[in-house]
């Protein structure tokens, strides 16, 4: 019998995701190495924190599980009761770049300082005009079939459309479960949310979802679903 895995959001996380359509007070990230990449401009890899208008904080990361000859993952949304906001960078208030934690040169003690390396922090325009006023949030759901016949369904990300500007994407990654890939603008990732969009050379749906280097690449498909705060959904 072939394995079948269900990595859809459980009810509480699905309702939490739907609440992200509310106005945002801030959108925060953890600065540091591998946050921004010159090879993938416009994509940021970090745990992100959404501060809703009422002050509630939602931590967005990835949940990864080894299965079917590789790793599968889904988006994960958790409430946060205590977080050091001063240590985080902001996509809204660009002067807030957060703090980087590292050892002193003698490696006998820890030290903190603002991230000096521009690839360790966000250098783009403020996203407050696009995302601060609220909008819509939809779910990016992936279905796949491995070469051995195993299948899965996974809620891979959130498509966020604010009051103005292009849609943004938060995509779970199996590479580092503490992080997600945040794309303020879709770019080549448009093929994940628009079935009419053609694949870019070297950036097919399968490759963008992280399956391009599997020994036996699976067949994958995606759909974008509406979210309802009152619907536990499946």
C-alpha atoms as a PDB file:
ATOM      1  CA  UNK A   1       0.000   0.000   0.000  1.00  0.00           C
ATOM      2  CA  UNK A   2       1.355   3.416  -0.981  1.00  0.00           C
ATOM      3  CA  UNK A   3       1.858   6.026   1.715  1.00  0.00           C
ATOM      4  CA  UNK A   4      -0.492   9.023   1.737  1.00  0.00           C
ATOM      5  CA  UNK A   5       0.357  12.069   3.868  1.00  0.00           C
ATOM      6  CA  UNK A   6      -1.910  14.923   4.969  1.00  0.00           C
ATOM      7  CA  UNK A   7      -0.010  18.151   5.670  1.00  0.00           C
ATOM      8  CA  UNK A   8      -2.962  20.497   5.536  1.00  0.00           C
ATOM      9  CA  UNK A   9      -3.296  23.197   8.187  1.00  0.00           C
ATOM     10  CA  UNK A  10      -5.175  22.063  11.301  1.00  0.00           C
ATOM     11  CA  UNK A  11      -8.240  24.123  12.203  1.00  0.00           C
ATOM     12  CA  UNK A  12      -6.590  26.557  14.672  1.00  0.00           C
ATOM     13  CA  UNK A  13      -3.779  27.392  12.254  1.00  0.00           C
ATOM     14  CA  UNK A  14      -6.188  27.746   9.340  1.00  0.00           C
ATOM     15  CA  UNK A  15      -8.269  30.237  11.325  1.00  0.00           C
ATOM     16  CA  UNK A  16      -5.087  32.032  12.360  1.00  0.00           C
ATOM     17  CA  UNK A  17      -4.069  32.296   8.706  1.00  0.00           C
ATOM     18  CA  UNK A  18      -7.464  33.766   7.798  1.00  0.00           C
ATOM     19  CA  UNK A  19      -7.001  36.445  10.449  1.00  0.00           C
ATOM     20  CA  UNK A  20      -3.979  37.739   8.567  1.00  0.00           C
ATOM     21  CA  UNK A  21      -6.468  39.523   6.285  1.00  0.00           C
ATOM     22  CA  UNK A  22      -6.874  42.021   9.152  1.00  0.00           C
ATOM     23  CA  UNK A  23      -4.755  45.211   9.258  1.00  0.00           C
ATOM     24  CA  UNK A  24      -1.118  44.700  10.265  1.00  0.00           C
ATOM     25  CA  UNK A  25       0.765  46.898  12.688  1.00  0.00           C
ATOM     26  CA  UNK A  26       4.115  45.470  11.589  1.00  0.00           C
ATOM     27  CA  UNK A  27       5.860  42.687   9.667  1.00  0.00           C
ATOM     28  CA  UNK A  28       9.111  41.548  11.277  1.00  0.00           C
ATOM     29  CA  UNK A  29      11.995  39.237  10.414  1.00  0.00           C
ATOM     30  CA  UNK A  30      15.119  37.741  11.997  1.00  0.00           C
ATOM     31  CA  UNK A  31      18.204  39.379  10.442  1.00  0.00           C
ATOM     32  CA  UNK A  32      21.313  37.347   9.739  1.00  0.00           C
ATOM     33  CA  UNK A  33      23.166  35.210   7.195  1.00  0.00           C
ATOM     34  CA  UNK A  34      21.196  33.849   4.224  1.00  0.00           C
ATOM     35  CA  UNK A  35      18.379  36.357   4.769  1.00  0.00           C
ATOM     36  CA  UNK A  36      18.787  37.820   1.279  1.00  0.00           C
ATOM     37  CA  UNK A  37      20.493  36.158  -1.666  1.00  0.00           C
ATOM     38  CA  UNK A  38      22.154  37.761  -4.676  1.00  0.00           C
ATOM     39  CA  UNK A  39      21.208  34.636  -6.641  1.00  0.00           C
ATOM     40  CA  UNK A  40      17.503  35.069  -5.852  1.00  0.00           C
ATOM     41  CA  UNK A  41      16.855  38.823  -5.587  1.00  0.00           C
ATOM     42  CA  UNK A  42      13.576  39.790  -4.008  1.00  0.00           C
ATOM     43  CA  UNK A  43      13.284  36.612  -1.921  1.00  0.00           C
ATOM     44  CA  UNK A  44      13.908  36.749   1.840  1.00  0.00           C
ATOM     45  CA  UNK A  45      14.460  33.715   4.055  1.00  0.00           C
ATOM     46  CA  UNK A  46      13.601  34.062   7.720  1.00  0.00           C
ATOM     47  CA  UNK A  47      11.065  33.369  10.402  1.00  0.00           C
ATOM     48  CA  UNK A  48       8.549  36.188   9.998  1.00  0.00           C
ATOM     49  CA  UNK A  49       6.289  37.718  12.627  1.00  0.00           C
ATOM     50  CA  UNK A  50       3.027  39.453  11.786  1.00  0.00           C
ATOM     51  CA  UNK A  51       1.896  41.993  14.370  1.00  0.00           C
ATOM     52  CA  UNK A  52      -1.859  42.442  13.936  1.00  0.00           C
ATOM     53  CA  UNK A  53      -3.619  45.727  14.590  1.00  0.00           C
ATOM     54  CA  UNK A  54      -4.735  44.620  18.033  1.00  0.00           C
ATOM     55  CA  UNK A  55      -1.176  43.729  19.054  1.00  0.00           C
ATOM     56  CA  UNK A  56      -1.367  39.930  18.639  1.00  0.00           C
ATOM     57  CA  UNK A  57       1.793  38.424  17.147  1.00  0.00           C
ATOM     58  CA  UNK A  58       1.727  35.437  14.756  1.00  0.00           C
ATOM     59  CA  UNK A  59       4.965  33.564  14.081  1.00  0.00           C
ATOM     60  CA  UNK A  60       5.162  32.122  10.558  1.00  0.00           C
ATOM     61  CA  UNK A  61       7.660  29.335   9.881  1.00  0.00           C
ATOM     62  CA  UNK A  62       7.777  25.886   8.252  1.00  0.00           C
ATOM     63  CA  UNK A  63       7.027  22.376   9.443  1.00  0.00           C
ATOM     64  CA  UNK A  64       9.114  19.733   7.641  1.00  0.00           C
ATOM     65  CA  UNK A  65       8.874  15.927   7.740  1.00  0.00           C
ATOM     66  CA  UNK A  66      11.112  13.331   6.039  1.00  0.00           C
ATOM     67  CA  UNK A  67       9.013  11.177   3.712  1.00  0.00           C
ATOM     68  CA  UNK A  68       8.895   9.526   0.287  1.00  0.00           C
ATOM     69  CA  UNK A  69      12.609   9.771  -0.360  1.00  0.00           C
ATOM     70  CA  UNK A  70      12.948  13.438   0.574  1.00  0.00           C
ATOM     71  CA  UNK A  71      11.377  16.050   2.815  1.00  0.00           C
ATOM     72  CA  UNK A  72       7.873  17.469   2.649  1.00  0.00           C
ATOM     73  CA  UNK A  73       6.767  20.632   4.393  1.00  0.00           C
ATOM     74  CA  UNK A  74       3.876  22.949   5.141  1.00  0.00           C
ATOM     75  CA  UNK A  75       3.448  26.466   6.424  1.00  0.00           C
ATOM     76  CA  UNK A  76       3.136  26.804  10.215  1.00  0.00           C
ATOM     77  CA  UNK A  77       1.413  29.628  12.149  1.00  0.00           C
ATOM     78  CA  UNK A  78       1.823  29.958  15.912  1.00  0.00           C
ATOM     79  CA  UNK A  79       0.736  32.600  18.425  1.00  0.00           C
ATOM     80  CA  UNK A  80       3.577  34.352  20.231  1.00  0.00           C
ATOM     81  CA  UNK A  81       3.132  35.726  23.740  1.00  0.00           C
ATOM     82  CA  UNK A  82       6.653  37.044  24.272  1.00  0.00           C
ATOM     83  CA  UNK A  83       9.145  38.123  21.631  1.00  0.00           C
ATOM     84  CA  UNK A  84      12.029  40.601  21.729  1.00  0.00           C
ATOM     85  CA  UNK A  85      10.756  42.982  19.066  1.00  0.00           C
ATOM     86  CA  UNK A  86      13.895  45.127  19.322  1.00  0.00           C
ATOM     87  CA  UNK A  87      15.956  42.173  18.094  1.00  0.00           C
ATOM     88  CA  UNK A  88      13.903  41.884  14.895  1.00  0.00           C
ATOM     89  CA  UNK A  89      14.080  43.849  11.668  1.00  0.00           C
ATOM     90  CA  UNK A  90      10.987  45.438  10.156  1.00  0.00           C
ATOM     91  CA  UNK A  91       9.647  45.392   6.606  1.00  0.00           C
ATOM     92  CA  UNK A  92       7.517  48.414   7.579  1.00  0.00           C
ATOM     93  CA  UNK A  93       9.909  50.687   9.510  1.00  0.00           C
ATOM     94  CA  UNK A  94      13.181  50.506   7.621  1.00  0.00           C
ATOM     95  CA  UNK A  95      15.318  52.102  10.343  1.00  0.00           C
ATOM     96  CA  UNK A  96      14.572  49.065  12.518  1.00  0.00           C
ATOM     97  CA  UNK A  97      17.118  46.497  11.358  1.00  0.00           C
ATOM     98  CA  UNK A  98      17.193  44.304  14.440  1.00  0.00           C
ATOM     99  CA  UNK A  99      20.211  42.760  16.130  1.00  0.00           C
ATOM    100  CA  UNK A 100      22.595  39.971  15.172  1.00  0.00           C
ATOM    101  CA  UNK A 101      23.855  37.659  17.904  1.00  0.00           C
ATOM    102  CA  UNK A 102      27.398  36.302  17.676  1.00  0.00           C
ATOM    103  CA  UNK A 103      30.461  35.396  19.739  1.00  0.00           C
ATOM    104  CA  UNK A 104      33.140  37.964  20.499  1.00  0.00           C
ATOM    105  CA  UNK A 105      36.475  37.411  18.668  1.00  0.00           C
ATOM    106  CA  UNK A 106      37.864  35.432  21.630  1.00  0.00           C
ATOM    107  CA  UNK A 107      34.642  33.308  21.565  1.00  0.00           C
ATOM    108  CA  UNK A 108      34.323  33.635  25.347  1.00  0.00           C
ATOM    109  CA  UNK A 109      31.156  35.702  25.372  1.00  0.00           C
ATOM    110  CA  UNK A 110      28.231  36.677  23.227  1.00  0.00           C
ATOM    111  CA  UNK A 111      27.731  40.036  21.597  1.00  0.00           C
ATOM    112  CA  UNK A 112      24.976  41.770  19.664  1.00  0.00           C
ATOM    113  CA  UNK A 113      25.102  44.475  17.027  1.00  0.00           C
ATOM    114  CA  UNK A 114      23.028  45.796  14.120  1.00  0.00           C
ATOM    115  CA  UNK A 115      23.463  43.753  10.919  1.00  0.00           C
ATOM    116  CA  UNK A 116      26.160  45.591   8.954  1.00  0.00           C
ATOM    117  CA  UNK A 117      26.083  43.275   5.933  1.00  0.00           C
ATOM    118  CA  UNK A 118      23.339  44.516   3.550  1.00  0.00           C
ATOM    119  CA  UNK A 119      22.396  40.927   2.664  1.00  0.00           C
ATOM    120  CA  UNK A 120      21.573  40.327   6.341  1.00  0.00           C
ATOM    121  CA  UNK A 121      18.769  42.929   6.394  1.00  0.00           C
ATOM    122  CA  UNK A 122      15.878  44.246   4.312  1.00  0.00           C
ATOM    123  CA  UNK A 123      16.936  47.047   1.954  1.00  0.00           C
ATOM    124  CA  UNK A 124      13.754  47.519  -0.091  1.00  0.00           C
ATOM    125  CA  UNK A 125      10.915  50.046   0.199  1.00  0.00           C
ATOM    126  CA  UNK A 126       8.544  49.975   3.150  1.00  0.00           C
ATOM    127  CA  UNK A 127       5.769  47.412   2.736  1.00  0.00           C
ATOM    128  CA  UNK A 128       3.410  49.257   5.085  1.00  0.00           C
ATOM    129  CA  UNK A 129       1.430  50.943   2.255  1.00  0.00           C
ATOM    130  CA  UNK A 130       0.764  47.550   0.645  1.00  0.00           C
ATOM    131  CA  UNK A 131       0.239  45.272   3.616  1.00  0.00           C
ATOM    132  CA  UNK A 132      -0.556  47.459   6.605  1.00  0.00           C
ATOM    133  CA  UNK A 133      -4.201  48.185   5.821  1.00  0.00           C
ATOM    134  CA  UNK A 134      -5.293  44.560   5.496  1.00  0.00           C
ATOM    135  CA  UNK A 135      -6.626  42.821   2.426  1.00  0.00           C
ATOM    136  CA  UNK A 136      -7.048  39.178   1.484  1.00  0.00           C
ATOM    137  CA  UNK A 137      -5.194  35.962   2.325  1.00  0.00           C
ATOM    138  CA  UNK A 138      -5.474  32.771   0.311  1.00  0.00           C
ATOM    139  CA  UNK A 139      -3.953  29.352   0.839  1.00  0.00           C
ATOM    140  CA  UNK A 140      -1.468  27.778  -1.574  1.00  0.00           C
ATOM    141  CA  UNK A 141      -2.131  24.028  -1.488  1.00  0.00           C
ATOM    142  CA  UNK A 142       0.184  21.483  -3.074  1.00  0.00           C
ATOM    143  CA  UNK A 143      -0.664  17.926  -4.112  1.00  0.00           C
ATOM    144  CA  UNK A 144       2.004  15.497  -5.166  1.00  0.00           C
ATOM    145  CA  UNK A 145       2.712  11.960  -6.258  1.00  0.00           C
ATOM    146  CA  UNK A 146       6.107  10.370  -5.733  1.00  0.00           C
ATOM    147  CA  UNK A 147       7.714   7.912  -8.119  1.00  0.00           C
ATOM    148  CA  UNK A 148       6.825   5.025  -5.782  1.00  0.00           C
ATOM    149  CA  UNK A 149       3.145   5.976  -5.848  1.00  0.00           C
ATOM    150  CA  UNK A 150       3.055   7.745  -2.486  1.00  0.00           C
ATOM    151  CA  UNK A 151       0.891  10.856  -2.398  1.00  0.00           C
ATOM    152  CA  UNK A 152       0.536  13.939  -0.248  1.00  0.00           C
ATOM    153  CA  UNK A 153      -1.401  17.131   0.241  1.00  0.00           C
ATOM    154  CA  UNK A 154       0.369  20.078   1.868  1.00  0.00           C
ATOM    155  CA  UNK A 155      -0.572  23.668   2.600  1.00  0.00           C
ATOM    156  CA  UNK A 156       2.657  25.226   1.342  1.00  0.00           C
ATOM    157  CA  UNK A 157       2.055  28.928   1.650  1.00  0.00           C
ATOM    158  CA  UNK A 158      -0.045  32.065   1.861  1.00  0.00           C
ATOM    159  CA  UNK A 159      -0.866  34.425  -0.998  1.00  0.00           C
ATOM    160  CA  UNK A 160      -1.336  37.878   0.524  1.00  0.00           C
ATOM    161  CA  UNK A 161      -2.947  40.731  -1.394  1.00  0.00           C
ATOM    162  CA  UNK A 162      -2.903  44.087   0.363  1.00  0.00           C
ATOM    163  CA  UNK A 163      -4.779  47.267  -0.341  1.00  0.00           C
ATOM    164  CA  UNK A 164      -2.324  48.324  -3.044  1.00  0.00           C
ATOM    165  CA  UNK A 165       0.367  46.791  -5.200  1.00  0.00           C
ATOM    166  CA  UNK A 166       1.145  43.230  -6.304  1.00  0.00           C
ATOM    167  CA  UNK A 167       0.415  40.093  -4.314  1.00  0.00           C
ATOM    168  CA  UNK A 168       3.033  38.716  -1.921  1.00  0.00           C
ATOM    169  CA  UNK A 169       3.824  35.090  -1.113  1.00  0.00           C
ATOM    170  CA  UNK A 170       4.970  33.308   2.037  1.00  0.00           C
ATOM    171  CA  UNK A 171       6.236  29.845   1.086  1.00  0.00           C
ATOM    172  CA  UNK A 172       7.233  27.024   3.430  1.00  0.00           C
ATOM    173  CA  UNK A 173      10.644  25.459   2.857  1.00  0.00           C
ATOM    174  CA  UNK A 174      12.073  22.101   3.907  1.00  0.00           C
ATOM    175  CA  UNK A 175      15.646  23.458   3.822  1.00  0.00           C
ATOM    176  CA  UNK A 176      15.355  25.216   7.190  1.00  0.00           C
ATOM    177  CA  UNK A 177      12.110  24.683   9.135  1.00  0.00           C
ATOM    178  CA  UNK A 178      12.720  27.821  11.206  1.00  0.00           C
ATOM    179  CA  UNK A 179      12.362  29.871   8.045  1.00  0.00           C
ATOM    180  CA  UNK A 180       9.967  30.601   5.234  1.00  0.00           C
ATOM    181  CA  UNK A 181      10.618  32.256   1.890  1.00  0.00           C
ATOM    182  CA  UNK A 182       8.928  35.663   1.814  1.00  0.00           C
ATOM    183  CA  UNK A 183       8.422  37.272  -1.597  1.00  0.00           C
ATOM    184  CA  UNK A 184       7.054  40.838  -1.494  1.00  0.00           C
ATOM    185  CA  UNK A 185       6.442  40.495  -5.257  1.00  0.00           C
ATOM    186  CA  UNK A 186       5.898  37.162  -6.965  1.00  0.00           C
ATOM    187  CA  UNK A 187       8.347  37.377  -9.864  1.00  0.00           C
ATOM    188  CA  UNK A 188       8.991  33.901 -11.260  1.00  0.00           C
ATOM    189  CA  UNK A 189       6.854  32.462  -8.457  1.00  0.00           C
ATOM    190  CA  UNK A 190       3.766  33.746 -10.256  1.00  0.00           C
ATOM    191  CA  UNK A 191       3.536  30.290 -11.830  1.00  0.00           C
ATOM    192  CA  UNK A 192       2.545  28.948  -8.401  1.00  0.00           C
ATOM    193  CA  UNK A 193      -0.529  31.155  -8.047  1.00  0.00           C
ATOM    194  CA  UNK A 194      -1.657  31.690 -11.650  1.00  0.00           C
ATOM    195  CA  UNK A 195      -2.417  28.525 -13.654  1.00  0.00           C
ATOM    196  CA  UNK A 196      -2.172  30.564 -16.859  1.00  0.00           C
ATOM    197  CA  UNK A 197       1.396  31.674 -16.178  1.00  0.00           C
ATOM    198  CA  UNK A 198       4.054  29.773 -18.186  1.00  0.00           C
ATOM    199  CA  UNK A 199       7.025  28.159 -16.478  1.00  0.00           C
ATOM    200  CA  UNK A 200      10.246  30.159 -16.595  1.00  0.00           C
ATOM    201  CA  UNK A 201      13.378  28.331 -17.843  1.00  0.00           C
ATOM    202  CA  UNK A 202      14.907  26.614 -14.836  1.00  0.00           C
ATOM    203  CA  UNK A 203      12.028  27.726 -12.589  1.00  0.00           C
ATOM    204  CA  UNK A 204       9.206  25.248 -13.091  1.00  0.00           C
ATOM    205  CA  UNK A 205       6.544  24.723 -10.450  1.00  0.00           C
ATOM    206  CA  UNK A 206       8.328  21.584  -9.303  1.00  0.00           C
ATOM    207  CA  UNK A 207      11.668  23.369  -8.980  1.00  0.00           C
ATOM    208  CA  UNK A 208      10.224  26.374  -7.164  1.00  0.00           C
ATOM    209  CA  UNK A 209       8.566  24.021  -4.679  1.00  0.00           C
ATOM    210  CA  UNK A 210      11.929  22.379  -3.936  1.00  0.00           C
ATOM    211  CA  UNK A 211      11.673  19.067  -5.772  1.00  0.00           C
ATOM    212  CA  UNK A 212      14.069  19.718  -8.643  1.00  0.00           C
ATOM    213  CA  UNK A 213      16.948  17.847  -6.993  1.00  0.00           C
ATOM    214  CA  UNK A 214      15.006  14.765  -5.901  1.00  0.00           C
ATOM    215  CA  UNK A 215      16.532  11.599  -7.371  1.00  0.00           C
ATOM    216  CA  UNK A 216      13.118  10.734  -8.826  1.00  0.00           C
ATOM    217  CA  UNK A 217      11.282  14.088  -9.115  1.00  0.00           C
ATOM    218  CA  UNK A 218       7.605  13.772  -8.181  1.00  0.00           C
ATOM    219  CA  UNK A 219       4.588  15.078 -10.054  1.00  0.00           C
ATOM    220  CA  UNK A 220       3.212  18.151  -8.253  1.00  0.00           C
ATOM    221  CA  UNK A 221       0.314  20.519  -8.741  1.00  0.00           C
ATOM    222  CA  UNK A 222      -0.910  23.576  -6.843  1.00  0.00           C
ATOM    223  CA  UNK A 223      -4.171  25.410  -6.282  1.00  0.00           C
ATOM    224  CA  UNK A 224      -5.051  28.617  -4.473  1.00  0.00           C
ATOM    225  CA  UNK A 225      -7.945  28.427  -1.995  1.00  0.00           C
ATOM    226  CA  UNK A 226      -9.971  31.068  -0.191  1.00  0.00           C
ATOM    227  CA  UNK A 227      -9.874  31.178   3.603  1.00  0.00           C
ATOM    228  CA  UNK A 228     -12.777  31.795   5.953  1.00  0.00           C
ATOM    229  CA  UNK A 229     -12.030  32.632   9.635  1.00  0.00           C
ATOM    230  CA  UNK A 230     -15.132  30.695  10.717  1.00  0.00           C
ATOM    231  CA  UNK A 231     -14.339  27.597   8.662  1.00  0.00           C
ATOM    232  CA  UNK A 232     -12.028  24.937  10.172  1.00  0.00           C
ATOM    233  CA  UNK A 233     -11.798  23.698   6.597  1.00  0.00           C
ATOM    234  CA  UNK A 234     -10.074  20.757   5.051  1.00  0.00           C
END
